[in-house]
Amino acid sequence: RGEIEPGGIEAQTRRTMENVKKVLAMAGCSFDDVVKANCWLDDTRDFWTFNRVYAEYFPNGGPARSTVRSQLMVDAKVEVDVIAYKPLT
């Protein structure tokens, strides 16, 4: 059951990225395998705080990314989806 993380943009971004990390792991991937990220913010004034937390998950530089403002679900401040690529070996 999904719930909105209480708190501001920093807490919600961290929870969102941790959720993405878990889903990537279930697919045998990590943030190193992410080639594209799509990010939505409820308020563009939150960009720099969002970006600081987001960057923690991509210490070697991030993938191609689109970040736009969009009206999200009630109380949601951020949404992120990623595309990962891992060659079959």
PDB file of N, CA and C in Angstrom:
ATOM      1  N   ARG A   1       0.852  -1.167   0.000  1.00  0.00           N
ATOM      2  CA  ARG A   1       0.000   0.000   0.000  1.00  0.00           C
ATOM      3  C   ARG A   1       0.897   1.229   0.000  1.00  0.00           C
ATOM      4  N   GLY A   2       0.717   2.083  -0.968  1.00  0.00           N
ATOM      5  CA  GLY A   2       1.529   3.287  -1.054  1.00  0.00           C
ATOM      6  C   GLY A   2       1.013   4.393  -0.161  1.00  0.00           C
ATOM      7  N   GLU A   3       1.941   5.067   0.476  1.00  0.00           N
ATOM      8  CA  GLU A   3       1.598   6.210   1.317  1.00  0.00           C
ATOM      9  C   GLU A   3       2.550   7.345   0.993  1.00  0.00           C
ATOM     10  N   ILE A   4       2.066   8.558   1.099  1.00  0.00           N
ATOM     11  CA  ILE A   4       2.903   9.737   0.889  1.00  0.00           C
ATOM     12  C   ILE A   4       3.774   9.932   2.126  1.00  0.00           C
ATOM     13  N   GLU A   5       5.064  10.090   1.904  1.00  0.00           N
ATOM     14  CA  GLU A   5       6.007  10.342   2.998  1.00  0.00           C
ATOM     15  C   GLU A   5       5.695  11.701   3.615  1.00  0.00           C
ATOM     16  N   PRO A   6       5.494  11.742   4.924  1.00  0.00           N
ATOM     17  CA  PRO A   6       5.268  13.050   5.550  1.00  0.00           C
ATOM     18  C   PRO A   6       6.549  13.885   5.508  1.00  0.00           C
ATOM     19  N   GLY A   7       6.408  15.158   5.581  1.00  0.00           N
ATOM     20  CA  GLY A   7       7.575  16.033   5.554  1.00  0.00           C
ATOM     21  C   GLY A   7       7.669  16.751   4.227  1.00  0.00           C
ATOM     22  N   GLY A   8       8.741  17.425   4.037  1.00  0.00           N
ATOM     23  CA  GLY A   8       8.917  18.256   2.860  1.00  0.00           C
ATOM     24  C   GLY A   8       9.574  17.528   1.705  1.00  0.00           C
ATOM     25  N   ILE A   9      10.071  18.315   0.785  1.00  0.00           N
ATOM     26  CA  ILE A   9      10.652  17.786  -0.443  1.00  0.00           C
ATOM     27  C   ILE A   9      11.863  16.904  -0.170  1.00  0.00           C
ATOM     28  N   GLU A  10      12.673  17.238   0.814  1.00  0.00           N
ATOM     29  CA  GLU A  10      13.858  16.425   1.090  1.00  0.00           C
ATOM     30  C   GLU A  10      13.466  15.021   1.525  1.00  0.00           C
ATOM     31  N   ALA A  11      12.554  14.908   2.468  1.00  0.00           N
ATOM     32  CA  ALA A  11      12.111  13.592   2.952  1.00  0.00           C
ATOM     33  C   ALA A  11      11.426  12.806   1.842  1.00  0.00           C
ATOM     34  N   GLN A  12      10.591  13.472   1.054  1.00  0.00           N
ATOM     35  CA  GLN A  12       9.888  12.764  -0.012  1.00  0.00           C
ATOM     36  C   GLN A  12      10.838  12.326  -1.124  1.00  0.00           C
ATOM     37  N   THR A  13      11.823  13.149  -1.434  1.00  0.00           N
ATOM     38  CA  THR A  13      12.791  12.762  -2.460  1.00  0.00           C
ATOM     39  C   THR A  13      13.604  11.570  -1.991  1.00  0.00           C
ATOM     40  N   ARG A  14      14.059  11.607  -0.755  1.00  0.00           N
ATOM     41  CA  ARG A  14      14.850  10.492  -0.223  1.00  0.00           C
ATOM     42  C   ARG A  14      14.030   9.199  -0.243  1.00  0.00           C
ATOM     43  N   ARG A  15      12.783   9.244   0.202  1.00  0.00           N
ATOM     44  CA  ARG A  15      11.936   8.044   0.206  1.00  0.00           C
ATOM     45  C   ARG A  15      11.699   7.553  -1.222  1.00  0.00           C
ATOM     46  N   THR A  16      11.448   8.486  -2.124  1.00  0.00           N
ATOM     47  CA  THR A  16      11.224   8.119  -3.527  1.00  0.00           C
ATOM     48  C   THR A  16      12.443   7.417  -4.102  1.00  0.00           C
ATOM     49  N   MET A  17      13.615   7.972  -3.870  1.00  0.00           N
ATOM     50  CA  MET A  17      14.833   7.378  -4.412  1.00  0.00           C
ATOM     51  C   MET A  17      15.134   6.032  -3.758  1.00  0.00           C
ATOM     52  N   GLU A  18      14.838   5.877  -2.485  1.00  0.00           N
ATOM     53  CA  GLU A  18      15.011   4.575  -1.824  1.00  0.00           C
ATOM     54  C   GLU A  18      14.047   3.548  -2.420  1.00  0.00           C
ATOM     55  N   ASN A  19      12.832   3.968  -2.740  1.00  0.00           N
ATOM     56  CA  ASN A  19      11.878   3.062  -3.386  1.00  0.00           C
ATOM     57  C   ASN A  19      12.371   2.657  -4.775  1.00  0.00           C
ATOM     58  N   VAL A  20      12.897   3.615  -5.531  1.00  0.00           N
ATOM     59  CA  VAL A  20      13.455   3.306  -6.847  1.00  0.00           C
ATOM     60  C   VAL A  20      14.613   2.324  -6.696  1.00  0.00           C
ATOM     61  N   LYS A  21      15.459   2.539  -5.714  1.00  0.00           N
ATOM     62  CA  LYS A  21      16.599   1.653  -5.455  1.00  0.00           C
ATOM     63  C   LYS A  21      16.130   0.218  -5.207  1.00  0.00           C
ATOM     64  N   LYS A  22      15.073   0.050  -4.432  1.00  0.00           N
ATOM     65  CA  LYS A  22      14.536  -1.286  -4.143  1.00  0.00           C
ATOM     66  C   LYS A  22      14.002  -1.953  -5.403  1.00  0.00           C
ATOM     67  N   VAL A  23      13.284  -1.199  -6.219  1.00  0.00           N
ATOM     68  CA  VAL A  23      12.732  -1.764  -7.457  1.00  0.00           C
ATOM     69  C   VAL A  23      13.864  -2.142  -8.416  1.00  0.00           C
ATOM     70  N   LEU A  24      14.871  -1.293  -8.524  1.00  0.00           N
ATOM     71  CA  LEU A  24      16.024  -1.624  -9.358  1.00  0.00           C
ATOM     72  C   LEU A  24      16.688  -2.912  -8.878  1.00  0.00           C
ATOM     73  N   ALA A  25      16.867  -3.053  -7.582  1.00  0.00           N
ATOM     74  CA  ALA A  25      17.502  -4.250  -7.021  1.00  0.00           C
ATOM     75  C   ALA A  25      16.686  -5.503  -7.337  1.00  0.00           C
ATOM     76  N   MET A  26      15.369  -5.395  -7.296  1.00  0.00           N
ATOM     77  CA  MET A  26      14.519  -6.546  -7.613  1.00  0.00           C
ATOM     78  C   MET A  26      14.724  -6.992  -9.062  1.00  0.00           C
ATOM     79  N   ALA A  27      15.141  -6.073  -9.919  1.00  0.00           N
ATOM     80  CA  ALA A  27      15.399  -6.395 -11.324  1.00  0.00           C
ATOM     81  C   ALA A  27      16.874  -6.718 -11.567  1.00  0.00           C
ATOM     82  N   GLY A  28      17.662  -6.796 -10.495  1.00  0.00           N
ATOM     83  CA  GLY A  28      19.081  -7.080 -10.628  1.00  0.00           C
ATOM     84  C   GLY A  28      19.884  -5.892 -11.122  1.00  0.00           C
ATOM     85  N   CYS A  29      19.367  -4.699 -10.896  1.00  0.00           N
ATOM     86  CA  CYS A  29      20.020  -3.472 -11.363  1.00  0.00           C
ATOM     87  C   CYS A  29      20.349  -2.557 -10.191  1.00  0.00           C
ATOM     88  N   SER A  30      21.067  -1.498 -10.502  1.00  0.00           N
ATOM     89  CA  SER A  30      21.380  -0.462  -9.519  1.00  0.00           C
ATOM     90  C   SER A  30      21.270   0.891 -10.218  1.00  0.00           C
ATOM     91  N   PHE A  31      21.535   1.943  -9.488  1.00  0.00           N
ATOM     92  CA  PHE A  31      21.501   3.269 -10.098  1.00  0.00           C
ATOM     93  C   PHE A  31      22.545   3.402 -11.210  1.00  0.00           C
ATOM     94  N   ASP A  32      23.603   2.591 -11.166  1.00  0.00           N
ATOM     95  CA  ASP A  32      24.608   2.622 -12.233  1.00  0.00           C
ATOM     96  C   ASP A  32      24.032   2.177 -13.572  1.00  0.00           C
ATOM     97  N   ASP A  33      22.925   1.433 -13.550  1.00  0.00           N
ATOM     98  CA  ASP A  33      22.305   0.929 -14.777  1.00  0.00           C
ATOM     99  C   ASP A  33      21.238   1.871 -15.339  1.00  0.00           C
ATOM    100  N   VAL A  34      20.932   2.940 -14.626  1.00  0.00           N
ATOM    101  CA  VAL A  34      19.886   3.866 -15.065  1.00  0.00           C
ATOM    102  C   VAL A  34      20.410   4.722 -16.215  1.00  0.00           C
ATOM    103  N   VAL A  35      19.641   4.745 -17.311  1.00  0.00           N
ATOM    104  CA  VAL A  35      20.040   5.530 -18.481  1.00  0.00           C
ATOM    105  C   VAL A  35      19.165   6.764 -18.682  1.00  0.00           C
ATOM    106  N   LYS A  36      18.002   6.800 -18.034  1.00  0.00           N
ATOM    107  CA  LYS A  36      17.095   7.949 -18.176  1.00  0.00           C
ATOM    108  C   LYS A  36      16.233   8.046 -16.936  1.00  0.00           C
ATOM    109  N   ALA A  37      16.035   9.257 -16.457  1.00  0.00           N
ATOM    110  CA  ALA A  37      15.139   9.512 -15.325  1.00  0.00           C
ATOM    111  C   ALA A  37      14.161  10.612 -15.717  1.00  0.00           C
ATOM    112  N   ASN A  38      12.924  10.420 -15.334  1.00  0.00           N
ATOM    113  CA  ASN A  38      11.881  11.428 -15.517  1.00  0.00           C
ATOM    114  C   ASN A  38      11.422  11.852 -14.133  1.00  0.00           C
ATOM    115  N   CYS A  39      11.469  13.137 -13.867  1.00  0.00           N
ATOM    116  CA  CYS A  39      11.163  13.644 -12.530  1.00  0.00           C
ATOM    117  C   CYS A  39      10.104  14.737 -12.626  1.00  0.00           C
ATOM    118  N   TRP A  40       9.181  14.696 -11.689  1.00  0.00           N
ATOM    119  CA  TRP A  40       8.127  15.694 -11.616  1.00  0.00           C
ATOM    120  C   TRP A  40       8.161  16.327 -10.240  1.00  0.00           C
ATOM    121  N   LEU A  41       8.100  17.637 -10.192  1.00  0.00           N
ATOM    122  CA  LEU A  41       8.050  18.373  -8.934  1.00  0.00           C
ATOM    123  C   LEU A  41       6.750  19.155  -8.870  1.00  0.00           C
ATOM    124  N   ASP A  42       6.160  19.188  -7.697  1.00  0.00           N
ATOM    125  CA  ASP A  42       4.930  19.944  -7.487  1.00  0.00           C
ATOM    126  C   ASP A  42       5.206  21.448  -7.467  1.00  0.00           C
ATOM    127  N   ASP A  43       6.420  21.830  -7.071  1.00  0.00           N
ATOM    128  CA  ASP A  43       6.777  23.244  -6.927  1.00  0.00           C
ATOM    129  C   ASP A  43       8.218  23.431  -7.398  1.00  0.00           C
ATOM    130  N   THR A  44       8.423  24.243  -8.411  1.00  0.00           N
ATOM    131  CA  THR A  44       9.774  24.424  -8.944  1.00  0.00           C
ATOM    132  C   THR A  44      10.729  25.059  -7.938  1.00  0.00           C
ATOM    133  N   ARG A  45      10.209  25.700  -6.922  1.00  0.00           N
ATOM    134  CA  ARG A  45      11.084  26.266  -5.882  1.00  0.00           C
ATOM    135  C   ARG A  45      11.794  25.167  -5.101  1.00  0.00           C
ATOM    136  N   ASP A  46      11.319  23.936  -5.213  1.00  0.00           N
ATOM    137  CA  ASP A  46      11.942  22.801  -4.526  1.00  0.00           C
ATOM    138  C   ASP A  46      13.083  22.188  -5.326  1.00  0.00           C
ATOM    139  N   PHE A  47      13.364  22.709  -6.521  1.00  0.00           N
ATOM    140  CA  PHE A  47      14.328  22.056  -7.410  1.00  0.00           C
ATOM    141  C   PHE A  47      15.692  21.840  -6.767  1.00  0.00           C
ATOM    142  N   TRP A  48      16.261  22.849  -6.148  1.00  0.00           N
ATOM    143  CA  TRP A  48      17.635  22.721  -5.646  1.00  0.00           C
ATOM    144  C   TRP A  48      17.727  21.722  -4.503  1.00  0.00           C
ATOM    145  N   THR A  49      16.732  21.675  -3.646  1.00  0.00           N
ATOM    146  CA  THR A  49      16.727  20.677  -2.571  1.00  0.00           C
ATOM    147  C   THR A  49      16.549  19.289  -3.164  1.00  0.00           C
ATOM    148  N   PHE A  50      15.608  19.145  -4.082  1.00  0.00           N
ATOM    149  CA  PHE A  50      15.409  17.871  -4.777  1.00  0.00           C
ATOM    150  C   PHE A  50      16.706  17.433  -5.444  1.00  0.00           C
ATOM    151  N   ASN A  51      17.340  18.334  -6.187  1.00  0.00           N
ATOM    152  CA  ASN A  51      18.538  18.001  -6.948  1.00  0.00           C
ATOM    153  C   ASN A  51      19.683  17.552  -6.046  1.00  0.00           C
ATOM    154  N   ARG A  52      19.824  18.185  -4.896  1.00  0.00           N
ATOM    155  CA  ARG A  52      20.887  17.802  -3.956  1.00  0.00           C
ATOM    156  C   ARG A  52      20.704  16.359  -3.493  1.00  0.00           C
ATOM    157  N   VAL A  53      19.487  15.984  -3.104  1.00  0.00           N
ATOM    158  CA  VAL A  53      19.219  14.615  -2.644  1.00  0.00           C
ATOM    159  C   VAL A  53      19.346  13.638  -3.813  1.00  0.00           C
ATOM    160  N   TYR A  54      18.768  13.972  -4.953  1.00  0.00           N
ATOM    161  CA  TYR A  54      18.837  13.124  -6.150  1.00  0.00           C
ATOM    162  C   TYR A  54      20.293  12.804  -6.488  1.00  0.00           C
ATOM    163  N   ALA A  55      21.162  13.807  -6.448  1.00  0.00           N
ATOM    164  CA  ALA A  55      22.570  13.635  -6.818  1.00  0.00           C
ATOM    165  C   ALA A  55      23.299  12.665  -5.898  1.00  0.00           C
ATOM    166  N   GLU A  56      22.854  12.510  -4.661  1.00  0.00           N
ATOM    167  CA  GLU A  56      23.478  11.554  -3.739  1.00  0.00           C
ATOM    168  C   GLU A  56      23.395  10.128  -4.283  1.00  0.00           C
ATOM    169  N   TYR A  57      22.398   9.844  -5.085  1.00  0.00           N
ATOM    170  CA  TYR A  57      22.192   8.503  -5.618  1.00  0.00           C
ATOM    171  C   TYR A  57      22.945   8.272  -6.924  1.00  0.00           C
ATOM    172  N   PHE A  58      23.546   9.307  -7.467  1.00  0.00           N
ATOM    173  CA  PHE A  58      24.325   9.221  -8.702  1.00  0.00           C
ATOM    174  C   PHE A  58      25.674   9.915  -8.490  1.00  0.00           C
ATOM    175  N   PRO A  59      26.540   9.366  -7.618  1.00  0.00           N
ATOM    176  CA  PRO A  59      27.798  10.047  -7.282  1.00  0.00           C
ATOM    177  C   PRO A  59      28.753  10.203  -8.467  1.00  0.00           C
ATOM    178  N   ASN A  60      28.595   9.393  -9.508  1.00  0.00           N
ATOM    179  CA  ASN A  60      29.465   9.487 -10.680  1.00  0.00           C
ATOM    180  C   ASN A  60      28.824  10.278 -11.811  1.00  0.00           C
ATOM    181  N   GLY A  61      27.808  11.054 -11.480  1.00  0.00           N
ATOM    182  CA  GLY A  61      27.067  11.787 -12.510  1.00  0.00           C
ATOM    183  C   GLY A  61      25.836  10.979 -12.878  1.00  0.00           C
ATOM    184  N   GLY A  62      24.765  11.656 -13.120  1.00  0.00           N
ATOM    185  CA  GLY A  62      23.511  10.966 -13.372  1.00  0.00           C
ATOM    186  C   GLY A  62      23.254  10.691 -14.840  1.00  0.00           C
ATOM    187  N   PRO A  63      22.160   9.998 -15.091  1.00  0.00           N
ATOM    188  CA  PRO A  63      21.764   9.699 -16.466  1.00  0.00           C
ATOM    189  C   PRO A  63      21.095  10.912 -17.107  1.00  0.00           C
ATOM    190  N   ALA A  64      20.697  10.755 -18.349  1.00  0.00           N
ATOM    191  CA  ALA A  64      19.860  11.778 -18.982  1.00  0.00           C
ATOM    192  C   ALA A  64      18.629  11.952 -18.105  1.00  0.00           C
ATOM    193  N   ARG A  65      18.177  13.190 -17.962  1.00  0.00           N
ATOM    194  CA  ARG A  65      17.054  13.433 -17.055  1.00  0.00           C
ATOM    195  C   ARG A  65      16.182  14.563 -17.562  1.00  0.00           C
ATOM    196  N   SER A  66      14.885  14.386 -17.368  1.00  0.00           N
ATOM    197  CA  SER A  66      13.912  15.457 -17.576  1.00  0.00           C
ATOM    198  C   SER A  66      13.302  15.763 -16.223  1.00  0.00           C
ATOM    199  N   THR A  67      13.235  17.036 -15.866  1.00  0.00           N
ATOM    200  CA  THR A  67      12.589  17.448 -14.621  1.00  0.00           C
ATOM    201  C   THR A  67      11.607  18.555 -14.965  1.00  0.00           C
ATOM    202  N   VAL A  68      10.354  18.326 -14.641  1.00  0.00           N
ATOM    203  CA  VAL A  68       9.312  19.291 -14.968  1.00  0.00           C
ATOM    204  C   VAL A  68       8.405  19.512 -13.768  1.00  0.00           C
ATOM    205  N   ARG A  69       7.655  20.589 -13.834  1.00  0.00           N
ATOM    206  CA  ARG A  69       6.666  20.876 -12.803  1.00  0.00           C
ATOM    207  C   ARG A  69       5.337  20.305 -13.246  1.00  0.00           C
ATOM    208  N   SER A  70       4.644  19.678 -12.311  1.00  0.00           N
ATOM    209  CA  SER A  70       3.339  19.106 -12.604  1.00  0.00           C
ATOM    210  C   SER A  70       2.529  19.042 -11.323  1.00  0.00           C
ATOM    211  N   GLN A  71       1.243  19.216 -11.456  1.00  0.00           N
ATOM    212  CA  GLN A  71       0.384  19.041 -10.285  1.00  0.00           C
ATOM    213  C   GLN A  71       0.317  17.552  -9.994  1.00  0.00           C
ATOM    214  N   LEU A  72       0.759  17.166  -8.812  1.00  0.00           N
ATOM    215  CA  LEU A  72       0.812  15.761  -8.427  1.00  0.00           C
ATOM    216  C   LEU A  72      -0.357  15.427  -7.511  1.00  0.00           C
ATOM    217  N   MET A  73      -0.380  14.186  -7.054  1.00  0.00           N
ATOM    218  CA  MET A  73      -1.413  13.777  -6.108  1.00  0.00           C
ATOM    219  C   MET A  73      -1.351  14.653  -4.867  1.00  0.00           C
ATOM    220  N   VAL A  74      -2.433  14.749  -4.152  1.00  0.00           N
ATOM    221  CA  VAL A  74      -2.508  15.574  -2.946  1.00  0.00           C
ATOM    222  C   VAL A  74      -1.349  15.224  -2.011  1.00  0.00           C
ATOM    223  N   ASP A  75      -0.632  16.225  -1.548  1.00  0.00           N
ATOM    224  CA  ASP A  75       0.491  16.125  -0.618  1.00  0.00           C
ATOM    225  C   ASP A  75       1.770  15.541  -1.220  1.00  0.00           C
ATOM    226  N   ALA A  76       1.731  15.074  -2.461  1.00  0.00           N
ATOM    227  CA  ALA A  76       2.948  14.568  -3.102  1.00  0.00           C
ATOM    228  C   ALA A  76       3.739  15.753  -3.647  1.00  0.00           C
ATOM    229  N   LYS A  77       5.040  15.755  -3.379  1.00  0.00           N
ATOM    230  CA  LYS A  77       5.896  16.839  -3.838  1.00  0.00           C
ATOM    231  C   LYS A  77       6.818  16.408  -4.971  1.00  0.00           C
ATOM    232  N   VAL A  78       7.010  15.096  -5.130  1.00  0.00           N
ATOM    233  CA  VAL A  78       7.952  14.602  -6.131  1.00  0.00           C
ATOM    234  C   VAL A  78       7.501  13.238  -6.647  1.00  0.00           C
ATOM    235  N   GLU A  79       7.823  12.998  -7.909  1.00  0.00           N
ATOM    236  CA  GLU A  79       7.617  11.681  -8.516  1.00  0.00           C
ATOM    237  C   GLU A  79       8.804  11.433  -9.425  1.00  0.00           C
ATOM    238  N   VAL A  80       9.310  10.208  -9.424  1.00  0.00           N
ATOM    239  CA  VAL A  80      10.465   9.854 -10.248  1.00  0.00           C
ATOM    240  C   VAL A  80      10.208   8.494 -10.881  1.00  0.00           C
ATOM    241  N   ASP A  81      10.479   8.389 -12.174  1.00  0.00           N
ATOM    242  CA  ASP A  81      10.552   7.064 -12.784  1.00  0.00           C
ATOM    243  C   ASP A  81      11.859   6.983 -13.553  1.00  0.00           C
ATOM    244  N   VAL A  82      12.382   5.780 -13.677  1.00  0.00           N
ATOM    245  CA  VAL A  82      13.669   5.591 -14.336  1.00  0.00           C
ATOM    246  C   VAL A  82      13.574   4.467 -15.355  1.00  0.00           C
ATOM    247  N   ILE A  83      14.486   4.520 -16.311  1.00  0.00           N
ATOM    248  CA  ILE A  83      14.681   3.440 -17.273  1.00  0.00           C
ATOM    249  C   ILE A  83      16.102   2.942 -17.063  1.00  0.00           C
ATOM    250  N   ALA A  84      16.230   1.643 -16.824  1.00  0.00           N
ATOM    251  CA  ALA A  84      17.547   1.045 -16.605  1.00  0.00           C
ATOM    252  C   ALA A  84      17.852   0.066 -17.733  1.00  0.00           C
ATOM    253  N   TYR A  85      19.121  -0.071 -18.047  1.00  0.00           N
ATOM    254  CA  TYR A  85      19.569  -1.008 -19.075  1.00  0.00           C
ATOM    255  C   TYR A  85      20.720  -1.816 -18.514  1.00  0.00           C
ATOM    256  N   LYS A  86      20.570  -3.124 -18.576  1.00  0.00           N
ATOM    257  CA  LYS A  86      21.637  -4.016 -18.127  1.00  0.00           C
ATOM    258  C   LYS A  86      21.784  -5.090 -19.196  1.00  0.00           C
ATOM    259  N   PRO A  87      22.913  -5.134 -19.879  1.00  0.00           N
ATOM    260  CA  PRO A  87      23.088  -6.134 -20.938  1.00  0.00           C
ATOM    261  C   PRO A  87      22.992  -7.553 -20.382  1.00  0.00           C
ATOM    262  N   LEU A  88      22.424  -8.439 -21.167  1.00  0.00           N
ATOM    263  CA  LEU A  88      22.385  -9.851 -20.783  1.00  0.00           C
ATOM    264  C   LEU A  88      23.779 -10.423 -20.944  1.00  0.00           C
ATOM    265  N   THR A  89      24.183 -11.238 -19.990  1.00  0.00           N
ATOM    266  CA  THR A  89      25.524 -11.835 -20.094  1.00  0.00           C
ATOM    267  C   THR A  89      25.437 -13.323 -20.180  1.00  0.00           C
TER     268      THR A  89
END
